[in-house]
């Protein structure tokens, strides 16, 4: 199996793909400045689903408190990309 390093755009496309599939939202509604919770109509159970999808797609653990600073899709992209970079470098990133 070939391992391919994803660039930022590839990661964003992957995120958008599973958001459309898992949360049945139109891809056109997913814009960087859009509100994640409102656009996806997330309730507390949906956040659990979102955590499971992130962990299974990107291979890192998500803590509930990680979502406190995420309000837009761009925040979400930056969070996932940061965690992927952290995982690959093995460094602890303090924000």
N, C-alpha and C. Protein backbone atom coordinates (compact mmCIF):
# COMPACT_ATOMS: atom_id res chain seq x y z
N UNK A 1 0.85 -1.18 0.00
CA UNK A 1 0.00 0.00 0.00
C UNK A 1 0.89 1.24 0.00
N UNK A 2 0.61 2.14 -0.93
CA UNK A 2 1.41 3.35 -1.06
C UNK A 2 0.91 4.42 -0.11
N UNK A 3 1.86 5.06 0.58
CA UNK A 3 1.50 6.12 1.51
C UNK A 3 1.77 7.46 0.84
N UNK A 4 0.76 8.29 0.77
CA UNK A 4 0.88 9.58 0.11
C UNK A 4 0.69 10.69 1.13
N UNK A 5 1.65 11.60 1.19
CA UNK A 5 1.52 12.75 2.09
C UNK A 5 0.53 13.73 1.46
N UNK A 6 -0.42 14.16 2.26
CA UNK A 6 -1.43 15.08 1.76
C UNK A 6 -1.00 16.51 1.99
N UNK A 7 -1.31 17.35 1.02
CA UNK A 7 -1.10 18.77 1.22
C UNK A 7 -2.35 19.37 1.86
N UNK A 8 -2.28 20.64 2.19
CA UNK A 8 -3.42 21.30 2.85
C UNK A 8 -4.70 21.14 2.05
N UNK A 9 -4.63 21.38 0.74
CA UNK A 9 -5.83 21.31 -0.09
C UNK A 9 -6.40 19.89 -0.11
N UNK A 10 -5.53 18.91 -0.15
CA UNK A 10 -5.98 17.51 -0.14
C UNK A 10 -6.68 17.16 1.17
N UNK A 11 -6.16 17.68 2.27
CA UNK A 11 -6.78 17.43 3.57
C UNK A 11 -8.15 18.10 3.63
N UNK A 12 -8.22 19.35 3.16
CA UNK A 12 -9.50 20.07 3.17
C UNK A 12 -10.53 19.35 2.31
N UNK A 13 -10.11 18.87 1.14
CA UNK A 13 -11.03 18.13 0.27
C UNK A 13 -11.52 16.85 0.94
N UNK A 14 -10.62 16.17 1.64
CA UNK A 14 -11.01 14.94 2.35
C UNK A 14 -12.00 15.26 3.46
N UNK A 15 -11.73 16.33 4.22
CA UNK A 15 -12.64 16.75 5.29
C UNK A 15 -14.01 17.07 4.71
N UNK A 16 -14.03 17.89 3.67
CA UNK A 16 -15.31 18.27 3.06
C UNK A 16 -16.05 17.04 2.54
N UNK A 17 -15.33 16.09 1.99
CA UNK A 17 -15.95 14.87 1.48
C UNK A 17 -16.66 14.09 2.57
N UNK A 18 -16.01 13.90 3.71
CA UNK A 18 -16.69 13.14 4.76
C UNK A 18 -17.76 13.96 5.45
N UNK A 19 -17.63 15.28 5.48
CA UNK A 19 -18.70 16.11 6.06
C UNK A 19 -19.97 16.01 5.21
N UNK A 20 -19.81 16.07 3.89
CA UNK A 20 -20.95 15.94 2.99
C UNK A 20 -21.61 14.58 3.16
N UNK A 21 -20.79 13.54 3.23
CA UNK A 21 -21.31 12.18 3.34
C UNK A 21 -21.95 11.91 4.70
N UNK A 22 -21.24 12.23 5.77
CA UNK A 22 -21.71 11.90 7.11
C UNK A 22 -22.85 12.78 7.60
N UNK A 23 -22.83 14.07 7.22
CA UNK A 23 -23.81 15.00 7.76
C UNK A 23 -24.83 15.46 6.73
N UNK A 24 -24.77 14.85 5.54
CA UNK A 24 -25.74 15.10 4.47
C UNK A 24 -25.98 16.58 4.24
N UNK A 25 -24.89 17.31 4.05
CA UNK A 25 -24.96 18.74 3.77
C UNK A 25 -24.43 18.96 2.35
N UNK A 26 -25.00 19.95 1.67
CA UNK A 26 -24.53 20.28 0.33
C UNK A 26 -23.12 20.83 0.39
N UNK A 27 -22.27 20.37 -0.50
CA UNK A 27 -20.87 20.79 -0.52
C UNK A 27 -20.75 22.31 -0.68
N UNK A 28 -21.68 22.93 -1.41
CA UNK A 28 -21.64 24.37 -1.64
C UNK A 28 -21.82 25.17 -0.33
N UNK A 29 -22.42 24.55 0.67
CA UNK A 29 -22.65 25.23 1.95
C UNK A 29 -21.41 25.22 2.84
N UNK A 30 -20.43 24.40 2.48
CA UNK A 30 -19.20 24.30 3.27
C UNK A 30 -18.19 25.31 2.72
N UNK A 31 -18.10 26.44 3.41
CA UNK A 31 -17.17 27.50 3.02
C UNK A 31 -16.29 27.83 4.23
N UNK A 32 -15.03 28.22 4.00
CA UNK A 32 -14.11 28.43 5.12
C UNK A 32 -14.65 29.33 6.23
N UNK A 33 -15.34 30.40 5.88
CA UNK A 33 -15.84 31.33 6.90
C UNK A 33 -17.18 30.92 7.49
N UNK A 34 -17.77 29.82 6.98
CA UNK A 34 -19.06 29.35 7.47
C UNK A 34 -18.98 28.78 8.89
N UNK A 35 -20.08 28.90 9.62
CA UNK A 35 -20.15 28.38 10.98
C UNK A 35 -20.33 26.86 10.93
N UNK A 36 -19.40 26.14 11.50
CA UNK A 36 -19.39 24.67 11.46
C UNK A 36 -20.65 24.09 12.10
N UNK A 37 -20.94 24.51 13.32
CA UNK A 37 -22.08 23.94 14.06
C UNK A 37 -23.41 24.24 13.36
N UNK A 38 -23.60 25.46 12.92
CA UNK A 38 -24.86 25.84 12.29
C UNK A 38 -25.03 25.20 10.91
N UNK A 39 -23.98 25.22 10.11
CA UNK A 39 -24.06 24.66 8.75
C UNK A 39 -24.36 23.17 8.79
N UNK A 40 -23.73 22.46 9.72
CA UNK A 40 -23.92 21.01 9.81
C UNK A 40 -25.07 20.64 10.74
N UNK A 41 -25.69 21.64 11.39
CA UNK A 41 -26.77 21.41 12.35
C UNK A 41 -26.34 20.38 13.40
N UNK A 42 -25.18 20.64 14.01
CA UNK A 42 -24.61 19.69 14.97
C UNK A 42 -25.27 19.79 16.34
N UNK A 43 -25.63 18.62 16.87
CA UNK A 43 -26.03 18.54 18.28
C UNK A 43 -24.95 17.74 18.99
N UNK A 44 -25.13 17.46 20.27
CA UNK A 44 -24.07 16.80 21.03
C UNK A 44 -23.72 15.41 20.48
N UNK A 45 -24.71 14.68 19.99
CA UNK A 45 -24.42 13.36 19.41
C UNK A 45 -23.67 13.48 18.09
N UNK A 46 -23.99 14.53 17.33
CA UNK A 46 -23.28 14.76 16.07
C UNK A 46 -21.80 15.05 16.31
N UNK A 47 -21.49 15.75 17.40
CA UNK A 47 -20.08 16.00 17.73
C UNK A 47 -19.36 14.69 17.97
N UNK A 48 -20.01 13.75 18.61
CA UNK A 48 -19.40 12.44 18.83
C UNK A 48 -19.13 11.76 17.49
N UNK A 49 -20.12 11.82 16.59
CA UNK A 49 -19.92 11.27 15.24
C UNK A 49 -18.75 11.94 14.53
N UNK A 50 -18.67 13.26 14.68
CA UNK A 50 -17.60 14.01 14.04
C UNK A 50 -16.24 13.58 14.59
N UNK A 51 -16.14 13.40 15.88
CA UNK A 51 -14.89 12.94 16.51
C UNK A 51 -14.50 11.57 15.96
N UNK A 52 -15.46 10.66 15.88
CA UNK A 52 -15.18 9.31 15.37
C UNK A 52 -14.69 9.37 13.93
N UNK A 53 -15.33 10.20 13.12
CA UNK A 53 -14.95 10.33 11.71
C UNK A 53 -13.54 10.91 11.59
N UNK A 54 -13.23 11.91 12.38
CA UNK A 54 -11.88 12.51 12.35
C UNK A 54 -10.84 11.47 12.74
N UNK A 55 -11.10 10.79 13.85
CA UNK A 55 -10.13 9.80 14.35
C UNK A 55 -9.92 8.67 13.34
N UNK A 56 -10.98 8.20 12.71
CA UNK A 56 -10.83 7.09 11.77
C UNK A 56 -10.20 7.53 10.45
N UNK A 57 -10.42 8.77 10.04
CA UNK A 57 -9.87 9.25 8.78
C UNK A 57 -8.43 9.76 8.90
N UNK A 58 -8.08 10.29 10.06
CA UNK A 58 -6.77 10.93 10.18
C UNK A 58 -5.86 10.31 11.23
N UNK A 59 -6.36 9.37 12.03
CA UNK A 59 -5.51 8.61 12.93
C UNK A 59 -4.97 9.34 14.14
N UNK A 60 -5.70 10.30 14.67
CA UNK A 60 -5.30 10.92 15.93
C UNK A 60 -6.51 11.05 16.83
N UNK A 61 -6.26 11.12 18.12
CA UNK A 61 -7.34 11.23 19.11
C UNK A 61 -7.77 12.67 19.26
N UNK A 62 -9.06 12.86 19.41
CA UNK A 62 -9.64 14.19 19.59
C UNK A 62 -10.22 14.27 20.99
N UNK A 63 -9.92 15.38 21.67
CA UNK A 63 -10.50 15.61 23.00
C UNK A 63 -11.66 16.60 22.85
N UNK A 64 -12.72 16.42 23.61
CA UNK A 64 -13.87 17.33 23.50
C UNK A 64 -13.49 18.80 23.64
N UNK A 65 -12.52 19.10 24.51
CA UNK A 65 -12.14 20.50 24.70
C UNK A 65 -11.45 21.10 23.47
N UNK A 66 -11.00 20.24 22.54
CA UNK A 66 -10.40 20.75 21.31
C UNK A 66 -11.40 21.56 20.50
N UNK A 67 -12.68 21.28 20.68
CA UNK A 67 -13.71 21.96 19.90
C UNK A 67 -14.08 23.34 20.45
N UNK A 68 -13.59 23.70 21.63
CA UNK A 68 -13.97 24.98 22.21
C UNK A 68 -13.50 26.17 21.37
N UNK A 69 -12.39 26.02 20.65
CA UNK A 69 -11.88 27.13 19.84
C UNK A 69 -12.27 27.02 18.37
N UNK A 70 -13.09 26.04 18.02
CA UNK A 70 -13.49 25.83 16.63
C UNK A 70 -14.89 26.38 16.41
N UNK A 71 -15.00 27.39 15.55
CA UNK A 71 -16.34 27.87 15.22
C UNK A 71 -16.59 27.85 13.72
N UNK A 72 -15.56 28.08 12.91
CA UNK A 72 -15.74 28.09 11.45
C UNK A 72 -15.11 26.83 10.84
N UNK A 73 -15.43 26.61 9.57
CA UNK A 73 -14.80 25.49 8.86
C UNK A 73 -13.29 25.71 8.78
N UNK A 74 -12.85 26.97 8.61
CA UNK A 74 -11.41 27.25 8.56
C UNK A 74 -10.75 26.87 9.88
N UNK A 75 -11.39 27.17 11.00
CA UNK A 75 -10.86 26.75 12.30
C UNK A 75 -10.71 25.23 12.35
N UNK A 76 -11.71 24.55 11.82
CA UNK A 76 -11.71 23.08 11.82
C UNK A 76 -10.58 22.55 10.94
N UNK A 77 -10.43 23.13 9.73
CA UNK A 77 -9.34 22.72 8.84
C UNK A 77 -7.99 22.92 9.52
N UNK A 78 -7.82 24.11 10.12
CA UNK A 78 -6.54 24.42 10.77
C UNK A 78 -6.25 23.45 11.92
N UNK A 79 -7.28 23.11 12.67
CA UNK A 79 -7.13 22.16 13.77
C UNK A 79 -6.66 20.81 13.25
N UNK A 80 -7.36 20.27 12.25
CA UNK A 80 -7.02 18.94 11.72
C UNK A 80 -5.62 18.96 11.11
N UNK A 81 -5.32 19.98 10.31
CA UNK A 81 -4.00 20.07 9.67
C UNK A 81 -2.91 20.18 10.73
N UNK A 82 -3.14 20.99 11.76
CA UNK A 82 -2.17 21.12 12.84
C UNK A 82 -1.92 19.81 13.56
N UNK A 83 -2.98 19.07 13.81
CA UNK A 83 -2.84 17.78 14.49
C UNK A 83 -2.12 16.76 13.60
N UNK A 84 -2.38 16.78 12.30
CA UNK A 84 -1.69 15.87 11.38
C UNK A 84 -0.20 16.21 11.36
N UNK A 85 0.11 17.51 11.26
CA UNK A 85 1.52 17.92 11.26
C UNK A 85 2.20 17.53 12.57
N UNK A 86 1.50 17.71 13.68
CA UNK A 86 2.02 17.35 15.00
C UNK A 86 2.30 15.85 15.06
N UNK A 87 1.38 15.06 14.53
CA UNK A 87 1.53 13.60 14.55
C UNK A 87 2.75 13.17 13.74
N UNK A 88 2.95 13.82 12.59
CA UNK A 88 4.05 13.43 11.72
C UNK A 88 5.42 13.91 12.20
N UNK A 89 5.43 15.01 12.96
CA UNK A 89 6.72 15.52 13.46
C UNK A 89 7.00 15.02 14.87
N UNK A 90 5.94 14.57 15.56
CA UNK A 90 6.09 14.08 16.91
C UNK A 90 6.26 15.19 17.93
N UNK A 91 6.02 16.42 17.50
CA UNK A 91 6.19 17.56 18.39
C UNK A 91 4.88 17.92 19.07
N UNK A 92 4.99 18.51 20.22
CA UNK A 92 3.82 19.01 20.93
C UNK A 92 3.67 20.48 20.57
N UNK A 93 2.50 20.81 20.04
CA UNK A 93 2.24 22.19 19.65
C UNK A 93 1.37 22.81 20.72
N UNK A 94 1.84 23.93 21.28
CA UNK A 94 1.08 24.63 22.31
C UNK A 94 0.46 25.85 21.65
N UNK A 95 -0.86 25.95 21.76
CA UNK A 95 -1.53 27.11 21.15
C UNK A 95 -2.16 27.97 22.21
